[in-house]
Amino acid sequence: MTGVRGVDAGGGDVRGVDAGGGDVRGVDVRGSDVRGSGGRTTGVRGARVRAAPLRRLTLGLLVAAVLAGCTTGPTEVAPGTTGTPHTPNAPAASGSTANATPTPAPSRSAPTPTPQGTLLVADFGSDTVTFVDPGRDGSGRNGGPIASVEVGTAPYGLVVGEDGRAWVATAEGVAVVDTQRRTRLALIPYETETGRVTTGEYRGGGMGIALAPDGRHVYVGVNVPGGNGTLEVVDTATREVTGVVGVGRRPFDVDVSPDGREVYATNHDSFDVTAVDADTLRTRRMEVAPYGTEGGLGSWLKPHYAVVRPQDGRLLLPFEGERLAVLDPRSGKVTIERMTAGTHQHGAALAPDGTLLVVGTGPIGSADEGPSLTVRAPDGEERIVPLEGPHEDVAVSADGSTAYVTGGFTRDGYWNGITVVDLDKPDNLDAPATPNNERNKPIRLSAGNRPLGIAIL
């Protein structure tokens, strides 16, 4: 692919990142090693493991800064209160290309348990998560929003445990949501000082988030505007932050090794992945820059999301629909495999059979292709499904037959909805036809407010 690539907003050099690959204790996040008001950390030099603090309870509603847009679906009542859910009346989001889905009439009784297979999305353009009915047989047809729950300003990533609790990375802290009752249980403040709570692409606070295989800890990447980020460890039983360690800049994504021994923060603005020992919080920095680091913060050619391949523990990081970086976390070695979508790429997920799904957000240069979903078989064969407009992240059904792609996008051009993609190959003559007689045509489902992170309940 030829053509000059654009540059991302922002500028300056990437600073404060250990360029070596040695076994070091954390990454300097360029702050004094002292505590600020409220016990928050104003800087972290290496790993810090501390005794669990007194449990902090967060009561009442949070005052949230809301981007332009409407939150579809009824909003659940505040935690600890009773009443009738209500439907917000707000203008449509700029960049939205889909018609609003009619909002279900709110129930005056306690909410019924959330059905299995319901989608949960983080509304980056608001302060909520939205529960979404995926439609008949999960196809998107006749689906729509069920309800929304206030969680905190500008939620980004989310993860759901086997117990049905969702952990949501917001600008203010990690929200805990009972997905069956659709109620927020807690908001756990960050120990890292991230400045004033704001919204938008470069806001401080939580970004990537992951759950340990045994469910005992949640790991959240915390962005510190203008500096290196941190990884915070949350004990899921006590809902307390029990450890903080420095990582790279803007930790877009967080993943955990299959055995739970290491945690990986994919650091967008420092061209690297930080491997963190789950027990000691010792760190190793591994550069992942298949196009080099020229351009620094202004470069588009940086890592965004990763997935961990279960059979060998290697991390798969897609770049620009051209290169798949395969990172061996044991050695730090990166090998490159060819990709074919030819478009800027963000979210990724693995299907149960090892198929890799990658979200193409759209062109950043004149020679780039449009938005798409890459469906990459374990042998490297790829099928490219065109999408309408930019998208951000993806989740795949338990049987591997359907992908759900969020339309939020971290930059402008987003839309308030989810695209549902049937992953059966178009030449499968046994696949049922859609109502317009076009097999496997993606279905756009209006839901949420600039939805980014997504999980299937």
Protein backbone atom coordinates (compact mmCIF):
# COMPACT_ATOMS: atom_id res chain seq x y z
CA MET A 1 0.00 0.00 0.00
CA THR A 2 1.41 3.39 -0.93
CA GLY A 3 0.55 6.92 0.03
CA VAL A 4 1.50 9.24 2.83
CA ARG A 5 -0.11 8.56 6.18
CA GLY A 6 -1.64 11.32 8.25
CA VAL A 7 -0.64 12.26 11.75
CA ASP A 8 -2.59 11.95 14.95
CA ALA A 9 -3.54 14.97 17.02
CA GLY A 10 -0.95 16.00 19.56
CA GLY A 11 2.81 16.27 19.32
CA GLY A 12 6.05 16.10 21.23
CA ASP A 13 8.47 13.37 22.03
CA VAL A 14 7.77 10.11 23.76
CA ARG A 15 9.50 10.55 27.09
CA GLY A 16 10.01 8.68 30.34
CA VAL A 17 9.98 5.16 28.91
CA ASP A 18 12.76 2.71 29.66
CA ALA A 19 14.17 1.90 26.23
CA GLY A 20 15.80 -1.23 27.47
CA GLY A 21 14.36 -4.69 27.66
CA GLY A 22 15.84 -5.65 31.00
CA ASP A 23 14.13 -6.98 34.06
CA VAL A 24 13.43 -3.64 35.72
CA ARG A 25 11.05 -2.56 38.45
CA GLY A 26 8.45 -0.61 36.60
CA VAL A 27 8.51 2.43 34.36
CA ASP A 28 9.08 5.92 35.72
CA VAL A 29 5.82 7.83 35.35
CA ARG A 30 7.64 11.13 35.98
CA GLY A 31 6.12 12.16 39.24
CA SER A 32 7.35 12.61 42.76
CA ASP A 33 7.16 9.50 44.88
CA VAL A 34 4.74 11.06 47.36
CA ARG A 35 1.07 10.94 48.18
CA GLY A 36 -1.31 13.69 47.20
CA SER A 37 -4.52 14.66 48.93
CA GLY A 38 -6.95 11.85 49.55
CA GLY A 39 -4.13 9.30 49.51
CA ARG A 40 -3.78 9.35 45.71
CA THR A 41 -0.43 8.72 44.12
CA THR A 42 1.03 11.73 42.32
CA GLY A 43 3.68 9.57 40.72
CA VAL A 44 4.96 6.00 40.75
CA ARG A 45 8.58 4.98 40.51
CA GLY A 46 8.49 1.28 39.89
CA ALA A 47 6.10 -1.16 41.47
CA ARG A 48 4.29 -0.33 44.65
CA VAL A 49 2.52 -3.05 46.58
CA ARG A 50 0.70 -1.71 49.60
CA ALA A 51 -1.61 -2.90 52.33
CA ALA A 52 -5.25 -2.61 51.38
CA PRO A 53 -6.65 0.80 52.44
CA LEU A 54 -9.87 1.28 54.34
CA ARG A 55 -12.75 0.54 52.09
CA ARG A 56 -14.17 3.65 50.49
CA LEU A 57 -17.85 3.72 49.74
CA THR A 58 -19.17 5.93 46.99
CA LEU A 59 -22.75 7.09 47.56
CA GLY A 60 -25.18 9.01 45.40
CA LEU A 61 -25.04 10.04 41.80
CA LEU A 62 -21.85 11.17 40.09
CA VAL A 63 -21.84 14.51 38.32
CA ALA A 64 -20.82 13.49 34.79
CA ALA A 65 -19.56 15.62 31.93
CA VAL A 66 -21.48 14.40 28.89
CA LEU A 67 -20.45 14.75 25.29
CA ALA A 68 -23.06 15.70 22.70
CA GLY A 69 -25.33 12.74 22.09
CA CYS A 70 -28.32 10.81 23.30
CA THR A 71 -28.33 7.77 25.54
CA THR A 72 -30.83 5.36 24.14
CA GLY A 73 -32.86 3.15 26.42
CA PRO A 74 -34.18 3.80 29.91
CA THR A 75 -31.62 4.69 32.56
CA GLU A 76 -31.78 2.62 35.75
CA VAL A 77 -32.36 4.42 39.03
CA ALA A 78 -29.35 5.42 41.13
CA PRO A 79 -27.74 2.81 43.37
CA GLY A 80 -29.39 2.54 46.75
CA THR A 81 -32.60 4.25 45.62
CA THR A 82 -35.93 3.12 44.32
CA GLY A 83 -38.11 4.58 41.64
CA THR A 84 -39.09 4.36 38.00
CA PRO A 85 -36.41 4.20 35.33
CA HIS A 86 -36.48 7.19 33.01
CA THR A 87 -35.60 7.84 29.40
CA PRO A 88 -33.24 10.78 28.83
CA ASN A 89 -34.28 13.34 26.25
CA ALA A 90 -31.08 14.54 24.59
CA PRO A 91 -30.06 15.53 21.05
CA ALA A 92 -28.63 12.98 18.66
CA ALA A 93 -24.85 12.62 18.70
CA SER A 94 -22.84 14.33 16.02
CA GLY A 95 -21.52 11.71 13.64
CA SER A 96 -24.45 9.37 14.22
CA THR A 97 -25.63 7.84 10.95
CA ALA A 98 -28.41 5.57 12.14
CA ASN A 99 -32.00 6.35 13.04
CA ALA A 100 -32.80 6.12 16.73
CA THR A 101 -34.27 2.85 17.90
CA PRO A 102 -37.65 3.26 19.66
CA THR A 103 -37.04 3.14 23.39
CA PRO A 104 -38.82 0.32 25.26
CA ALA A 105 -41.40 1.54 27.73
CA PRO A 106 -39.78 1.52 31.20
CA SER A 107 -41.14 -0.93 33.71
CA ARG A 108 -42.47 0.38 37.03
CA SER A 109 -41.52 -2.82 38.80
CA ALA A 110 -38.05 -4.08 39.70
CA PRO A 111 -36.09 -5.03 36.56
CA THR A 112 -36.34 -8.63 35.42
CA PRO A 113 -33.02 -10.52 35.29
CA THR A 114 -30.94 -9.71 32.23
CA PRO A 115 -31.25 -12.46 29.60
CA GLN A 116 -28.20 -14.50 28.68
CA GLY A 117 -26.64 -13.27 25.44
CA THR A 118 -27.45 -9.62 26.12
CA LEU A 119 -24.76 -7.20 24.93
CA LEU A 120 -23.21 -4.68 27.30
CA VAL A 121 -21.48 -1.60 25.89
CA ALA A 122 -19.53 1.27 27.49
CA ASP A 123 -21.03 4.61 26.46
CA PHE A 124 -17.92 6.76 26.01
CA GLY A 125 -20.10 9.69 24.99
CA SER A 126 -22.01 9.61 28.27
CA ASP A 127 -21.71 8.26 31.82
CA THR A 128 -23.50 4.96 31.34
CA VAL A 129 -23.29 1.38 30.17
CA THR A 130 -26.14 0.18 27.97
CA PHE A 131 -27.70 -3.29 27.90
CA VAL A 132 -28.67 -4.30 24.37
CA ASP A 133 -30.94 -7.06 23.11
CA PRO A 134 -29.00 -8.58 20.17
CA GLY A 135 -32.22 -9.52 18.41
CA ARG A 136 -33.63 -12.78 17.14
CA ASP A 137 -31.03 -15.55 17.52
CA GLY A 138 -28.41 -12.86 18.13
CA SER A 139 -28.68 -11.67 14.54
CA GLY A 140 -29.38 -8.02 15.30
CA ARG A 141 -32.83 -8.19 13.71
CA ASN A 142 -35.53 -6.70 15.97
CA GLY A 143 -32.91 -5.97 18.63
CA GLY A 144 -32.43 -2.77 20.57
CA PRO A 145 -31.47 -1.18 23.89
CA ILE A 146 -32.96 -2.56 27.09
CA ALA A 147 -31.70 -0.14 29.73
CA SER A 148 -28.72 1.99 30.75
CA VAL A 149 -26.98 2.25 34.12
CA GLU A 150 -24.95 5.24 35.31
CA VAL A 151 -21.36 4.23 36.03
CA GLY A 152 -19.15 7.33 35.84
CA THR A 153 -17.77 9.80 33.31
CA ALA A 154 -16.75 8.58 29.84
CA PRO A 155 -16.53 4.78 30.35
CA TYR A 156 -14.00 3.16 28.02
CA GLY A 157 -13.30 -0.56 28.48
CA LEU A 158 -15.25 -3.18 30.40
CA VAL A 159 -14.98 -6.81 31.39
CA VAL A 160 -17.52 -9.24 32.85
CA GLY A 161 -16.77 -12.07 35.27
CA GLU A 162 -18.45 -15.44 35.63
CA ASP A 163 -20.38 -14.09 38.61
CA GLY A 164 -22.13 -11.59 36.35
CA ARG A 165 -20.38 -8.52 37.73
CA ALA A 166 -19.08 -6.04 35.16
CA TRP A 167 -15.98 -3.94 35.83
CA VAL A 168 -15.99 -0.70 33.88
CA ALA A 169 -13.04 1.67 33.39
CA THR A 170 -14.36 5.24 33.64
CA ALA A 171 -12.60 8.59 33.93
CA GLU A 172 -13.34 8.63 37.68
CA GLY A 173 -12.71 5.06 38.78
CA VAL A 174 -13.64 1.44 38.20
CA ALA A 175 -17.39 0.95 38.38
CA VAL A 176 -18.82 -2.38 39.52
CA VAL A 177 -22.16 -3.34 37.98
CA ASP A 178 -24.51 -6.20 38.84
CA THR A 179 -25.53 -7.15 35.30
CA GLN A 180 -28.42 -9.32 36.41
CA ARG A 181 -30.11 -6.56 38.41
CA ARG A 182 -28.70 -3.78 36.21
CA THR A 183 -27.46 -1.79 39.19
CA ARG A 184 -24.15 -0.11 39.98
CA LEU A 185 -22.70 -1.58 43.16
CA ALA A 186 -19.63 0.62 43.64
CA LEU A 187 -17.22 3.10 42.12
CA ILE A 188 -13.60 2.46 43.10
CA PRO A 189 -11.45 5.61 42.80
CA TYR A 190 -8.02 5.36 41.20
CA GLU A 191 -4.92 5.67 43.32
CA THR A 192 -3.16 7.37 40.40
CA GLU A 193 -3.62 11.13 40.16
CA THR A 194 -5.01 11.84 36.69
CA GLY A 195 -6.00 15.50 37.02
CA ARG A 196 -9.40 17.04 36.45
CA VAL A 197 -12.12 14.65 35.27
CA THR A 198 -12.78 15.34 31.60
CA THR A 199 -14.20 13.62 28.52
CA GLY A 200 -12.91 12.95 25.02
CA GLU A 201 -10.18 10.94 23.38
CA TYR A 202 -7.34 12.13 25.60
CA ARG A 203 -9.14 12.19 28.95
CA GLY A 204 -7.38 10.80 31.99
CA GLY A 205 -8.53 7.71 33.83
CA GLY A 206 -9.16 4.09 32.98
CA MET A 207 -8.80 2.68 29.47
CA GLY A 208 -8.06 -1.01 28.97
CA ILE A 209 -9.28 -3.44 31.63
CA ALA A 210 -8.98 -7.19 32.16
CA LEU A 211 -9.92 -9.85 34.69
CA ALA A 212 -7.60 -12.51 36.08
CA PRO A 213 -8.53 -16.07 35.03
CA ASP A 214 -9.43 -16.94 38.63
CA GLY A 215 -11.58 -13.81 38.95
CA ARG A 216 -9.74 -12.55 42.04
CA HIS A 217 -8.23 -9.42 40.52
CA VAL A 218 -9.08 -6.80 37.94
CA TYR A 219 -6.30 -4.94 36.13
CA VAL A 220 -6.97 -1.50 34.69
CA GLY A 221 -4.70 0.70 32.59
CA VAL A 222 -4.90 4.32 33.78
CA ASN A 223 -4.05 7.16 31.41
CA VAL A 224 -2.20 10.14 32.89
CA PRO A 225 -2.52 13.01 30.41
CA GLY A 226 0.91 14.26 29.38
CA GLY A 227 2.86 11.41 30.96
CA ASN A 228 3.21 7.69 31.44
CA GLY A 229 0.26 5.69 32.69
CA THR A 230 -0.13 3.11 35.41
CA LEU A 231 -1.62 -0.32 35.88
CA GLU A 232 -3.82 -0.58 38.97
CA VAL A 233 -4.75 -3.88 40.61
CA VAL A 234 -8.20 -4.22 42.18
CA ASP A 235 -9.13 -6.99 44.59
CA THR A 236 -12.56 -8.14 43.41
CA ALA A 237 -13.61 -9.38 46.86
CA THR A 238 -12.82 -6.22 48.81
CA ARG A 239 -13.17 -3.80 45.87
CA GLU A 240 -9.96 -2.08 46.88
CA VAL A 241 -6.90 -1.05 44.89
CA THR A 242 -4.08 -3.25 46.19
CA GLY A 243 -1.24 -2.33 43.85
CA VAL A 244 -0.07 0.28 41.35
CA VAL A 245 2.79 0.05 38.87
CA GLY A 246 4.03 2.35 36.11
CA VAL A 247 3.53 1.40 32.46
CA GLY A 248 3.74 3.30 29.16
CA ARG A 249 1.71 6.12 27.70
CA ARG A 250 -2.06 5.74 27.16
CA PRO A 251 -2.63 2.05 27.99
CA PHE A 252 -5.34 1.39 25.41
CA ASP A 253 -5.69 -2.28 26.19
CA VAL A 254 -4.95 -4.71 29.02
CA ASP A 255 -4.71 -8.50 28.67
CA VAL A 256 -3.74 -11.39 30.93
CA SER A 257 -1.70 -14.50 30.13
CA PRO A 258 -3.64 -17.78 30.03
CA ASP A 259 -2.07 -18.92 33.33
CA GLY A 260 -2.71 -15.55 35.00
CA ARG A 261 0.94 -14.99 35.86
CA GLU A 262 1.48 -11.93 33.68
CA VAL A 263 -0.55 -8.89 32.72
CA TYR A 264 0.07 -6.95 29.51
CA ALA A 265 -0.60 -3.26 29.02
CA THR A 266 -0.60 -2.15 25.38
CA ASN A 267 0.68 1.41 25.47
CA HIS A 268 -0.46 3.37 22.44
CA ASP A 269 1.73 6.48 22.66
CA SER A 270 4.99 4.80 23.68
CA PHE A 271 5.00 2.08 20.99
CA ASP A 272 5.27 -0.73 23.50
CA VAL A 273 3.74 -3.42 25.67
CA THR A 274 4.52 -3.58 29.39
CA ALA A 275 4.58 -7.08 30.86
CA VAL A 276 3.73 -7.04 34.58
CA ASP A 277 4.34 -9.97 36.92
CA ALA A 278 0.98 -10.50 38.64
CA ASP A 279 2.61 -11.45 41.97
CA THR A 280 5.53 -9.04 42.30
CA LEU A 281 4.46 -6.29 39.87
CA ARG A 282 7.94 -6.34 38.32
CA THR A 283 7.78 -5.05 34.76
CA ARG A 284 9.44 -5.53 31.40
CA ARG A 285 9.08 -3.13 28.48
CA MET A 286 8.79 -4.65 24.99
CA GLU A 287 8.79 -2.34 22.00
CA VAL A 288 6.22 -3.17 19.31
CA ALA A 289 6.78 -0.80 16.40
CA PRO A 290 6.69 -2.56 13.02
CA TYR A 291 6.78 0.83 11.25
CA GLY A 292 9.35 2.35 13.61
CA THR A 293 8.78 5.12 16.14
CA GLU A 294 9.34 8.11 13.84
CA GLY A 295 6.70 10.77 14.44
CA GLY A 296 6.41 10.08 18.16
CA LEU A 297 3.07 11.15 19.59
CA GLY A 298 1.96 12.42 16.19
CA SER A 299 2.28 9.03 14.52
CA TRP A 300 -0.72 6.93 13.55
CA LEU A 301 1.38 3.79 13.33
CA LYS A 302 1.19 2.76 16.98
CA PRO A 303 -0.23 -0.27 18.83
CA HIS A 304 -3.86 -0.09 19.90
CA TYR A 305 -5.33 -3.43 21.00
CA ALA A 306 -3.97 -6.93 21.46
CA VAL A 307 -5.26 -10.45 22.03
CA VAL A 308 -3.44 -13.32 23.72
CA ARG A 309 -3.32 -16.56 21.75
CA PRO A 310 -4.23 -19.32 24.23
CA GLN A 311 -2.13 -22.12 22.79
CA ASP A 312 1.23 -20.35 23.07
CA GLY A 313 0.62 -17.15 25.05
CA ARG A 314 1.80 -14.89 22.23
CA LEU A 315 0.21 -11.49 21.76
CA LEU A 316 -1.32 -10.55 18.40
CA LEU A 317 -1.31 -6.83 17.59
CA PRO A 318 -2.75 -5.67 14.23
CA PHE A 319 -1.32 -2.64 12.42
CA GLU A 320 -2.94 -0.78 9.52
CA GLY A 321 -4.46 -3.86 7.89
CA GLU A 322 -0.97 -4.64 6.61
CA ARG A 323 1.06 -6.15 9.43
CA LEU A 324 0.19 -8.44 12.30
CA ALA A 325 2.82 -8.16 15.03
CA VAL A 326 3.21 -11.45 16.92
CA LEU A 327 4.92 -10.76 20.24
CA ASP A 328 6.54 -13.52 22.29
CA PRO A 329 6.34 -12.12 25.84
CA ARG A 330 9.03 -14.49 27.10
CA SER A 331 11.73 -13.19 24.78
CA GLY A 332 10.27 -9.85 23.68
CA LYS A 333 10.80 -10.87 20.06
CA VAL A 334 8.32 -9.61 17.46
CA THR A 335 7.62 -11.39 14.18
CA ILE A 336 5.47 -9.91 11.43
CA GLU A 337 2.75 -11.62 9.40
CA ARG A 338 1.02 -10.06 6.41
CA MET A 339 -2.53 -8.67 6.62
CA THR A 340 -4.72 -7.53 3.72
CA ALA A 341 -7.42 -5.06 4.85
CA GLY A 342 -5.30 -1.99 4.14
CA THR A 343 -7.00 0.23 6.73
CA HIS A 344 -6.25 1.73 10.15
CA GLN A 345 -7.12 -0.87 12.80
CA HIS A 346 -8.20 -0.81 16.44
CA GLY A 347 -10.16 -3.50 18.36
CA ALA A 348 -9.47 -7.22 18.17
CA ALA A 349 -10.96 -10.45 19.52
CA LEU A 350 -10.42 -14.19 19.17
CA ALA A 351 -13.22 -16.62 18.32
CA PRO A 352 -13.26 -20.02 20.08
CA ASP A 353 -11.70 -21.73 17.05
CA GLY A 354 -8.79 -19.26 16.95
CA THR A 355 -10.19 -16.99 14.25
CA LEU A 356 -8.90 -13.46 14.75
CA LEU A 357 -11.33 -10.57 14.31
CA VAL A 358 -9.91 -7.08 13.78
CA VAL A 359 -11.82 -3.79 13.45
CA GLY A 360 -10.75 -1.50 10.61
CA THR A 361 -11.66 2.09 11.50
CA GLY A 362 -11.19 3.55 8.03
CA PRO A 363 -8.54 5.38 6.04
CA ILE A 364 -5.82 7.65 7.42
CA GLY A 365 -4.18 8.14 4.02
CA SER A 366 -5.25 8.49 0.41
CA ALA A 367 -4.25 4.92 -0.43
CA ASP A 368 -6.11 3.29 2.47
CA GLU A 369 -9.27 1.23 2.28
CA GLY A 370 -12.52 1.92 4.12
CA PRO A 371 -13.82 0.57 7.45
CA SER A 372 -14.02 -3.19 7.70
CA LEU A 373 -13.93 -6.27 9.87
CA THR A 374 -11.05 -8.64 9.15
CA VAL A 375 -11.90 -12.31 9.71
CA ARG A 376 -8.55 -14.09 9.84
CA ALA A 377 -8.42 -17.89 10.06
CA PRO A 378 -5.71 -19.56 12.17
CA ASP A 379 -3.84 -20.44 8.94
CA GLY A 380 -3.66 -16.75 7.98
CA GLU A 381 -6.38 -16.72 5.32
CA GLU A 382 -8.38 -13.51 5.56
CA ARG A 383 -11.84 -12.40 4.57
CA ILE A 384 -12.65 -8.69 4.70
CA VAL A 385 -16.21 -7.61 5.58
CA PRO A 386 -16.89 -3.94 4.65
CA LEU A 387 -18.50 -1.81 7.38
CA GLU A 388 -20.40 1.44 7.12
CA GLY A 389 -18.45 4.12 8.98
CA PRO A 390 -15.75 3.93 11.67
CA HIS A 391 -15.98 1.37 14.47
CA GLU A 392 -13.86 0.65 17.54
CA ASP A 393 -14.08 -2.73 19.28
CA VAL A 394 -15.48 -6.21 18.73
CA ALA A 395 -16.85 -9.17 20.69
CA VAL A 396 -17.71 -12.61 19.32
CA SER A 397 -20.47 -15.02 20.34
CA ALA A 398 -19.62 -18.16 22.29
CA ASP A 399 -20.26 -20.36 19.24
CA GLY A 400 -18.10 -18.14 17.02
CA SER A 401 -20.92 -17.47 14.56
CA THR A 402 -21.55 -13.76 15.15
CA ALA A 403 -19.42 -10.66 15.71
CA TYR A 404 -20.64 -7.48 17.37
CA VAL A 405 -18.70 -4.35 16.41
CA THR A 406 -19.13 -1.10 18.34
CA GLY A 407 -19.60 2.13 16.39
CA GLY A 408 -18.22 4.47 19.01
CA PHE A 409 -14.66 5.07 17.74
CA THR A 410 -12.23 7.12 19.85
CA ARG A 411 -12.10 9.90 17.23
CA ASP A 412 -14.75 11.82 15.30
CA GLY A 413 -17.03 10.06 12.83
CA TYR A 414 -18.52 7.60 15.30
CA TRP A 415 -22.15 6.51 15.38
CA ASN A 416 -24.38 5.33 18.22
CA GLY A 417 -24.77 1.66 17.55
CA ILE A 418 -23.45 -1.82 16.95
CA THR A 419 -22.88 -3.60 13.65
CA VAL A 420 -23.80 -7.30 13.76
CA VAL A 421 -21.78 -9.49 11.38
CA ASP A 422 -22.71 -13.07 10.50
CA LEU A 423 -19.36 -14.88 10.35
CA ASP A 424 -20.59 -17.71 8.11
CA LYS A 425 -18.81 -17.49 4.79
CA PRO A 426 -20.91 -15.92 2.00
CA ASP A 427 -20.47 -19.02 -0.15
CA ASN A 428 -22.17 -21.17 2.47
CA LEU A 429 -25.30 -22.02 0.53
CA ASP A 430 -26.90 -23.52 3.62
CA ALA A 431 -26.84 -20.19 5.46
CA PRO A 432 -30.29 -18.58 5.68
CA ALA A 433 -30.86 -15.48 3.58
CA THR A 434 -31.55 -12.12 5.20
CA PRO A 435 -34.91 -10.46 4.45
CA ASN A 436 -33.45 -8.54 1.48
CA ASN A 437 -32.04 -11.77 0.06
CA GLU A 438 -28.44 -10.72 0.65
CA ARG A 439 -26.59 -13.34 2.61
CA ASN A 440 -24.32 -12.24 5.49
CA LYS A 441 -25.10 -8.56 5.07
CA PRO A 442 -24.08 -6.74 8.30
CA ILE A 443 -26.98 -5.36 10.32
CA ARG A 444 -26.72 -1.98 12.05
CA LEU A 445 -28.33 -1.88 15.46
CA SER A 446 -28.84 1.56 17.05
CA ALA A 447 -27.87 1.48 20.73
CA GLY A 448 -25.72 3.27 23.26
CA ASN A 449 -23.91 6.61 23.15
CA ARG A 450 -20.58 6.40 21.33
CA PRO A 451 -20.15 2.78 22.47
CA LEU A 452 -16.55 1.57 22.77
CA GLY A 453 -15.95 -1.48 24.97
CA ILE A 454 -18.33 -4.43 24.56
CA ALA A 455 -19.02 -7.75 26.28
CA ILE A 456 -21.58 -10.51 25.82
CA LEU A 457 -23.41 -11.56 29.00
